C-alpha atoms as a PDB file:
ATOM      1  CA  MET A   1    -137.218 126.535-148.504  1.00  0.00           C
ATOM      2  CA  SER A   2    -135.447 129.413-150.199  1.00  0.00           C
ATOM      3  CA  GLU A   3    -136.469 131.613-153.121  1.00  0.00           C
ATOM      4  CA  VAL A   4    -136.121 130.457-156.721  1.00  0.00           C
ATOM      5  CA  ARG A   5    -133.029 132.001-158.258  1.00  0.00           C
ATOM      6  CA  ASP A   6    -131.655 132.150-161.769  1.00  0.00           C
ATOM      7  CA  ASN A   7    -128.107 130.820-162.178  1.00  0.00           C
ATOM      8  CA  PRO A   8    -127.215 132.053-165.675  1.00  0.00           C
ATOM      9  CA  ALA A   9    -123.674 130.639-165.478  1.00  0.00           C
ATOM     10  CA  LEU A  10    -125.143 127.123-165.270  1.00  0.00           C
ATOM     11  CA  HIS A  11    -128.248 127.900-167.404  1.00  0.00           C
ATOM     12  CA  ARG A  12    -130.708 126.860-164.733  1.00  0.00           C
ATOM     13  CA  PHE A  13    -133.170 128.028-162.119  1.00  0.00           C
ATOM     14  CA  GLU A  14    -132.504 126.674-158.632  1.00  0.00           C
ATOM     15  CA  LEU A  15    -134.499 126.137-155.458  1.00  0.00           C
ATOM     16  CA  ASP A  16    -132.841 124.975-152.235  1.00  0.00           C
ATOM     17  CA  ALA A  17    -134.713 122.955-149.605  1.00  0.00           C
ATOM     18  CA  ASP A  18    -133.415 120.868-146.717  1.00  0.00           C
ATOM     19  CA  GLY A  19    -129.840 120.748-148.008  1.00  0.00           C
ATOM     20  CA  HIS A  20    -130.838 119.749-151.550  1.00  0.00           C
ATOM     21  CA  THR A  21    -131.236 121.755-154.748  1.00  0.00           C
ATOM     22  CA  ALA A  22    -133.972 121.299-157.348  1.00  0.00           C
ATOM     23  CA  VAL A  23    -133.114 122.682-160.791  1.00  0.00           C
ATOM     24  CA  ALA A  24    -134.828 123.601-164.059  1.00  0.00           C
ATOM     25  CA  HIS A  25    -132.330 123.700-166.934  1.00  0.00           C
ATOM     26  CA  TYR A  26    -132.864 126.074-169.843  1.00  0.00           C
ATOM     27  CA  ARG A  27    -131.443 127.549-173.039  1.00  0.00           C
ATOM     28  CA  LEU A  28    -131.865 131.256-173.654  1.00  0.00           C
ATOM     29  CA  ASP A  29    -131.960 132.550-177.223  1.00  0.00           C
ATOM     30  CA  GLY A  30    -132.930 136.175-177.621  1.00  0.00           C
ATOM     31  CA  GLY A  31    -136.362 136.657-176.106  1.00  0.00           C
ATOM     32  CA  VAL A  32    -137.168 132.936-175.833  1.00  0.00           C
ATOM     33  CA  ILE A  33    -136.267 130.627-172.964  1.00  0.00           C
ATOM     34  CA  THR A  34    -136.488 126.886-173.630  1.00  0.00           C
ATOM     35  CA  PHE A  35    -136.844 124.693-170.562  1.00  0.00           C
ATOM     36  CA  THR A  36    -135.053 121.414-171.282  1.00  0.00           C
ATOM     37  CA  HIS A  37    -135.040 119.378-168.061  1.00  0.00           C
ATOM     38  CA  THR A  38    -136.178 119.630-164.451  1.00  0.00           C
ATOM     39  CA  GLU A  39    -134.584 117.669-161.614  1.00  0.00           C
ATOM     40  CA  VAL A  40    -135.989 117.332-158.105  1.00  0.00           C
ATOM     41  CA  PRO A  41    -133.850 115.227-155.748  1.00  0.00           C
ATOM     42  CA  PRO A  42    -135.667 112.113-154.460  1.00  0.00           C
ATOM     43  CA  ALA A  43    -135.422 113.436-150.886  1.00  0.00           C
ATOM     44  CA  LEU A  44    -137.664 116.363-151.924  1.00  0.00           C
ATOM     45  CA  SER A  45    -140.154 114.355-153.956  1.00  0.00           C
ATOM     46  CA  GLY A  46    -143.866 114.741-153.228  1.00  0.00           C
ATOM     47  CA  ARG A  47    -143.511 118.025-151.349  1.00  0.00           C
ATOM     48  CA  GLY A  48    -144.439 120.500-154.081  1.00  0.00           C
ATOM     49  CA  ILE A  49    -140.825 121.569-154.610  1.00  0.00           C
ATOM     50  CA  GLY A  50    -141.016 121.022-158.373  1.00  0.00           C
ATOM     51  CA  SER A  51    -144.169 123.120-158.608  1.00  0.00           C
ATOM     52  CA  ALA A  52    -142.605 125.886-156.502  1.00  0.00           C
ATOM     53  CA  LEU A  53    -139.552 125.814-158.774  1.00  0.00           C
ATOM     54  CA  ALA A  54    -141.708 125.998-161.919  1.00  0.00           C
ATOM     55  CA  ARG A  55    -143.818 128.842-160.508  1.00  0.00           C
ATOM     56  CA  GLY A  56    -140.769 130.846-159.442  1.00  0.00           C
ATOM     57  CA  ALA A  57    -138.997 130.301-162.758  1.00  0.00           C
ATOM     58  CA  LEU A  58    -142.069 131.275-164.789  1.00  0.00           C
ATOM     59  CA  ASP A  59    -142.660 134.375-162.662  1.00  0.00           C
ATOM     60  CA  ASN A  60    -139.023 135.365-163.273  1.00  0.00           C
ATOM     61  CA  VAL A  61    -139.432 134.780-167.022  1.00  0.00           C
ATOM     62  CA  ARG A  62    -142.612 136.882-167.083  1.00  0.00           C
ATOM     63  CA  GLY A  63    -140.829 139.716-165.271  1.00  0.00           C
ATOM     64  CA  ARG A  64    -138.107 139.673-167.909  1.00  0.00           C
ATOM     65  CA  GLY A  65    -140.587 139.759-170.805  1.00  0.00           C
ATOM     66  CA  LEU A  66    -139.448 136.408-172.228  1.00  0.00           C
ATOM     67  CA  LYS A  67    -141.488 133.777-174.046  1.00  0.00           C
ATOM     68  CA  VAL A  68    -141.352 130.082-173.126  1.00  0.00           C
ATOM     69  CA  VAL A  69    -140.829 126.841-175.008  1.00  0.00           C
ATOM     70  CA  ALA A  70    -141.329 123.774-172.801  1.00  0.00           C
ATOM     71  CA  ARG A  71    -139.209 120.860-174.005  1.00  0.00           C
ATOM     72  CA  CYS A  72    -139.232 119.571-170.429  1.00  0.00           C
ATOM     73  CA  GLU A  73    -142.202 117.325-169.592  1.00  0.00           C
ATOM     74  CA  PHE A  74    -142.491 118.674-166.059  1.00  0.00           C
ATOM     75  CA  ILE A  75    -142.598 122.356-167.084  1.00  0.00           C
ATOM     76  CA  GLY A  76    -144.932 121.491-169.977  1.00  0.00           C
ATOM     77  CA  GLY A  77    -147.280 119.693-167.588  1.00  0.00           C
ATOM     78  CA  TYR A  78    -147.178 122.577-165.144  1.00  0.00           C
ATOM     79  CA  LEU A  79    -148.068 125.022-167.921  1.00  0.00           C
ATOM     80  CA  ALA A  80    -150.935 122.780-169.041  1.00  0.00           C
ATOM     81  CA  ARG A  81    -152.401 122.820-165.506  1.00  0.00           C
ATOM     82  CA  HIS A  82    -151.881 126.554-164.898  1.00  0.00           C
ATOM     83  CA  ALA A  83    -153.635 128.677-167.501  1.00  0.00           C
ATOM     84  CA  GLU A  84    -152.380 131.865-165.814  1.00  0.00           C
ATOM     85  CA  TYR A  85    -149.049 131.250-167.580  1.00  0.00           C
ATOM     86  CA  ALA A  86    -150.499 130.593-171.070  1.00  0.00           C
ATOM     87  CA  ASP A  87    -149.454 134.058-172.244  1.00  0.00           C
ATOM     88  CA  LEU A  88    -145.802 133.042-171.884  1.00  0.00           C
ATOM     89  CA  LEU A  89    -145.968 130.321-174.531  1.00  0.00           C
ATOM     90  CA  THR A  90    -144.599 131.033-177.989  1.00  0.00           C
END
């Protein structure tokens, strides 16, 4: 598994694993990033790839000083289970 990377040209964070790419789509407006949809290929399901993607994306966001709006159910659920990221919410 590779590192989570931001792909600003496609407005998404990406994580490669076993020849597949999991993505978390976003919109960036000023100092707020809105996560809109997360996709984990079926071949990667159940292996914690989505959680690794969320963690890497949120760590990147924190490092950039952005605030988060979670319109994506997966990212919203991750935030609800991980209080260490509560400070990122708008």
